[in-house]
Protein backbone atom coordinates (compact mmCIF):
# COMPACT_ATOMS: atom_id res chain seq x y z
CA MET A 1 37.71 -66.61 -26.47
CA LYS A 2 39.68 -68.06 -23.57
CA GLN A 3 43.36 -68.14 -26.06
CA ILE A 4 42.40 -64.06 -26.08
CA ILE A 5 42.29 -64.11 -22.44
CA GLU A 6 45.09 -65.58 -21.87
CA ASN A 7 46.96 -63.46 -24.13
CA TYR A 8 45.56 -60.28 -22.50
CA ARG A 9 47.08 -61.67 -19.10
CA MET A 10 50.55 -61.99 -20.44
CA GLY A 11 50.06 -58.68 -22.07
CA GLN A 12 49.20 -57.19 -18.55
CA ALA A 13 52.28 -58.99 -16.84
CA GLN A 14 54.54 -57.19 -19.24
CA LEU A 15 52.99 -54.15 -19.10
CA LYS A 16 53.21 -54.44 -14.94
CA THR A 17 57.09 -55.16 -15.41
CA ARG A 18 57.21 -52.32 -17.71
CA VAL A 19 55.69 -50.22 -14.94
CA ALA A 20 58.06 -51.25 -12.28
CA GLN A 21 61.06 -50.86 -14.19
CA LEU A 22 59.86 -47.05 -14.98
CA LYS A 23 59.66 -46.96 -11.13
CA ASN A 24 62.61 -47.93 -10.02
CA SER A 25 64.18 -45.21 -13.44
CA LEU A 26 62.03 -42.98 -11.05
CA SER A 27 64.26 -43.09 -8.10
CA ASP A 28 67.43 -41.99 -10.19
CA ARG A 29 68.64 -38.65 -8.77
CA THR A 30 70.58 -38.04 -12.03
CA LEU A 31 67.20 -37.35 -13.74
CA SER A 32 66.36 -33.88 -14.61
CA LEU A 33 62.43 -32.42 -14.08
CA MET A 34 61.43 -33.09 -17.19
CA GLU A 35 62.80 -36.61 -18.08
CA ARG A 36 61.00 -37.54 -14.76
CA GLN A 37 57.70 -36.26 -15.97
CA ASN A 38 58.19 -37.82 -19.29
CA LEU A 39 58.77 -41.52 -17.13
CA ASP A 40 56.04 -40.51 -14.56
CA ARG A 41 53.50 -39.77 -17.73
CA ARG A 42 54.42 -43.39 -19.35
CA ARG A 43 53.98 -45.04 -16.52
CA ARG A 44 50.59 -43.65 -15.49
CA LEU A 45 49.84 -44.87 -19.53
CA LEU A 46 50.88 -48.21 -18.81
CA LEU A 47 48.83 -48.24 -15.63
CA GLU A 48 46.10 -47.13 -17.48
CA GLU A 49 45.93 -49.70 -20.31
CA TYR A 50 46.66 -52.40 -17.11
CA TYR A 51 43.41 -51.27 -15.40
CA GLU A 52 41.56 -51.01 -18.92
CA MET A 53 42.70 -54.38 -20.05
CA GLU A 54 41.52 -56.04 -16.69
CA HIS A 55 38.49 -54.46 -17.19
CA LEU A 56 38.03 -55.93 -20.40
CA ILE A 57 38.72 -59.39 -18.92
CA ARG A 58 36.14 -59.10 -15.63
CA THR A 59 33.65 -57.78 -18.83
CA VAL A 60 34.56 -60.96 -21.12
CA LEU A 61 34.76 -63.70 -18.45
CA PRO A 62 30.91 -64.44 -17.60
CA TYR A 63 30.31 -64.34 -21.52
CA LEU A 64 32.98 -66.82 -21.81
CA GLU A 65 31.49 -68.65 -19.26
CA THR A 66 28.42 -68.99 -20.25
CA GLU A 67 29.89 -70.24 -24.03
CA LYS A 68 31.22 -73.31 -22.11
CA ALA A 69 27.82 -74.04 -19.83
CA ALA A 70 26.24 -74.17 -23.39
CA GLU A 71 28.93 -76.22 -25.01
CA SER A 72 28.91 -78.61 -22.06
CA ALA A 73 24.81 -78.93 -22.02
CA GLY A 74 25.29 -79.47 -25.94
CA ASP A 75 27.69 -82.12 -25.53
CA SER A 76 25.34 -83.89 -23.09
CA ILE A 77 22.18 -83.47 -25.10
CA CYS A 78 24.00 -84.97 -28.08
CA GLY A 79 25.93 -87.73 -26.23
């Protein structure tokens, strides 16, 4: 489970980098209106995905902590 969360965090970092690149591309004055709209749409979709991943991680973390506590309690009983 911890590996999954780490993978999601890496994915989030990649999304954040891509959003920054798109934001930078939007500052290009030579883009047509349609190109700007497409880039902005992609940027918003990536941001939405980023926030969905964040929500998922926050939802899963309590279960991960409970799982860790249960494992350590089981170790102390058996040990």
